[in-house]
Amino acid sequence: MRERHTDSNKITPLALSILLSSMPRILVMENNFGFTLGNAELLAPVVHYLDILEPPASAPAGD
């Protein structure tokens, strides 16, 4: 990836939209089967990334 000058830490808008549209379906299907292990770990990076893009209203400026 470095040869192509891409940022491997960046989530593109397309990748984010696919993640956000497919993850709820997977989580619902797994929940219906009683599988919840790992759900919080799956959602944590998404919430973190979205908080970077638009910080929660209760977050103080500069955090």
C-alpha atoms as a PDB file:
ATOM      1  CA  MET A   1       0.000   0.000   0.000  1.00  0.00           C
ATOM      2  CA  ARG A   2       2.855   2.364   0.676  1.00  0.00           C
ATOM      3  CA  GLU A   3       3.960   1.956  -2.929  1.00  0.00           C
ATOM      4  CA  ARG A   4       0.560   3.189  -4.051  1.00  0.00           C
ATOM      5  CA  HIS A   5       0.632   6.131  -1.629  1.00  0.00           C
ATOM      6  CA  THR A   6      -2.553   5.063   0.127  1.00  0.00           C
ATOM      7  CA  ASP A   7      -3.318   5.639   3.778  1.00  0.00           C
ATOM      8  CA  SER A   8      -3.959   2.196   5.251  1.00  0.00           C
ATOM      9  CA  ASN A   9      -5.494   3.758   8.386  1.00  0.00           C
ATOM     10  CA  LYS A  10      -8.167   5.663   6.461  1.00  0.00           C
ATOM     11  CA  ILE A  11     -11.651   4.263   6.050  1.00  0.00           C
ATOM     12  CA  THR A  12     -13.108   5.452   2.776  1.00  0.00           C
ATOM     13  CA  PRO A  13     -16.716   6.673   2.624  1.00  0.00           C
ATOM     14  CA  LEU A  14     -17.631   3.634   0.503  1.00  0.00           C
ATOM     15  CA  ALA A  15     -16.090   1.200   2.984  1.00  0.00           C
ATOM     16  CA  LEU A  16     -17.821   2.965   5.866  1.00  0.00           C
ATOM     17  CA  SER A  17     -21.201   2.831   4.142  1.00  0.00           C
ATOM     18  CA  ILE A  18     -20.804  -0.902   3.475  1.00  0.00           C
ATOM     19  CA  LEU A  19     -19.796  -1.525   7.087  1.00  0.00           C
ATOM     20  CA  LEU A  20     -22.669   0.521   8.458  1.00  0.00           C
ATOM     21  CA  SER A  21     -25.231  -1.144   6.200  1.00  0.00           C
ATOM     22  CA  SER A  22     -24.075  -4.736   6.701  1.00  0.00           C
ATOM     23  CA  MET A  23     -23.109  -4.801  10.380  1.00  0.00           C
ATOM     24  CA  PRO A  24     -26.646  -4.299  11.753  1.00  0.00           C
ATOM     25  CA  ARG A  25     -27.924  -7.256   9.713  1.00  0.00           C
ATOM     26  CA  ILE A  26     -25.122  -9.493  10.926  1.00  0.00           C
ATOM     27  CA  LEU A  27     -25.621  -8.393  14.541  1.00  0.00           C
ATOM     28  CA  VAL A  28     -29.385  -9.049  14.360  1.00  0.00           C
ATOM     29  CA  MET A  29     -28.863 -12.486  12.804  1.00  0.00           C
ATOM     30  CA  GLU A  30     -26.286 -13.419  15.435  1.00  0.00           C
ATOM     31  CA  ASN A  31     -28.491 -12.080  18.228  1.00  0.00           C
ATOM     32  CA  ASN A  32     -31.387 -14.220  16.963  1.00  0.00           C
ATOM     33  CA  PHE A  33     -29.146 -17.269  17.386  1.00  0.00           C
ATOM     34  CA  GLY A  34     -28.041 -16.095  20.829  1.00  0.00           C
ATOM     35  CA  PHE A  35     -24.533 -15.062  19.781  1.00  0.00           C
ATOM     36  CA  THR A  36     -23.450 -11.818  21.407  1.00  0.00           C
ATOM     37  CA  LEU A  37     -19.773 -12.483  22.080  1.00  0.00           C
ATOM     38  CA  GLY A  38     -17.696  -9.884  20.272  1.00  0.00           C
ATOM     39  CA  ASN A  39     -20.524  -7.484  19.449  1.00  0.00           C
ATOM     40  CA  ALA A  40     -19.134  -4.704  21.654  1.00  0.00           C
ATOM     41  CA  GLU A  41     -15.672  -5.192  20.181  1.00  0.00           C
ATOM     42  CA  LEU A  42     -17.114  -4.964  16.675  1.00  0.00           C
ATOM     43  CA  LEU A  43     -19.035  -1.775  17.376  1.00  0.00           C
ATOM     44  CA  ALA A  44     -16.337   0.039  19.393  1.00  0.00           C
ATOM     45  CA  PRO A  45     -14.102   1.046  16.439  1.00  0.00           C
ATOM     46  CA  VAL A  46     -17.127   2.201  14.436  1.00  0.00           C
ATOM     47  CA  VAL A  47     -18.381   4.361  17.306  1.00  0.00           C
ATOM     48  CA  HIS A  48     -14.864   5.721  17.822  1.00  0.00           C
ATOM     49  CA  TYR A  49     -14.507   6.613  14.132  1.00  0.00           C
ATOM     50  CA  LEU A  50     -17.925   8.284  14.035  1.00  0.00           C
ATOM     51  CA  ASP A  51     -17.071  10.241  17.203  1.00  0.00           C
ATOM     52  CA  ILE A  52     -13.957  11.527  15.432  1.00  0.00           C
ATOM     53  CA  LEU A  53     -16.054  12.689  12.482  1.00  0.00           C
ATOM     54  CA  GLU A  54     -18.765  14.206  14.662  1.00  0.00           C
ATOM     55  CA  PRO A  55     -17.969  14.388  18.387  1.00  0.00           C
ATOM     56  CA  PRO A  56     -20.848  13.740  20.780  1.00  0.00           C
ATOM     57  CA  ALA A  57     -22.673  16.897  21.862  1.00  0.00           C
ATOM     58  CA  SER A  58     -21.652  16.346  25.488  1.00  0.00           C
ATOM     59  CA  ALA A  59     -17.916  16.129  24.685  1.00  0.00           C
ATOM     60  CA  PRO A  60     -15.916  19.210  25.706  1.00  0.00           C
ATOM     61  CA  ALA A  61     -14.117  21.020  22.902  1.00  0.00           C
ATOM     62  CA  GLY A  62     -10.541  19.895  22.328  1.00  0.00           C
ATOM     63  CA  ASP A  63     -10.986  16.269  23.434  1.00  0.00           C
END
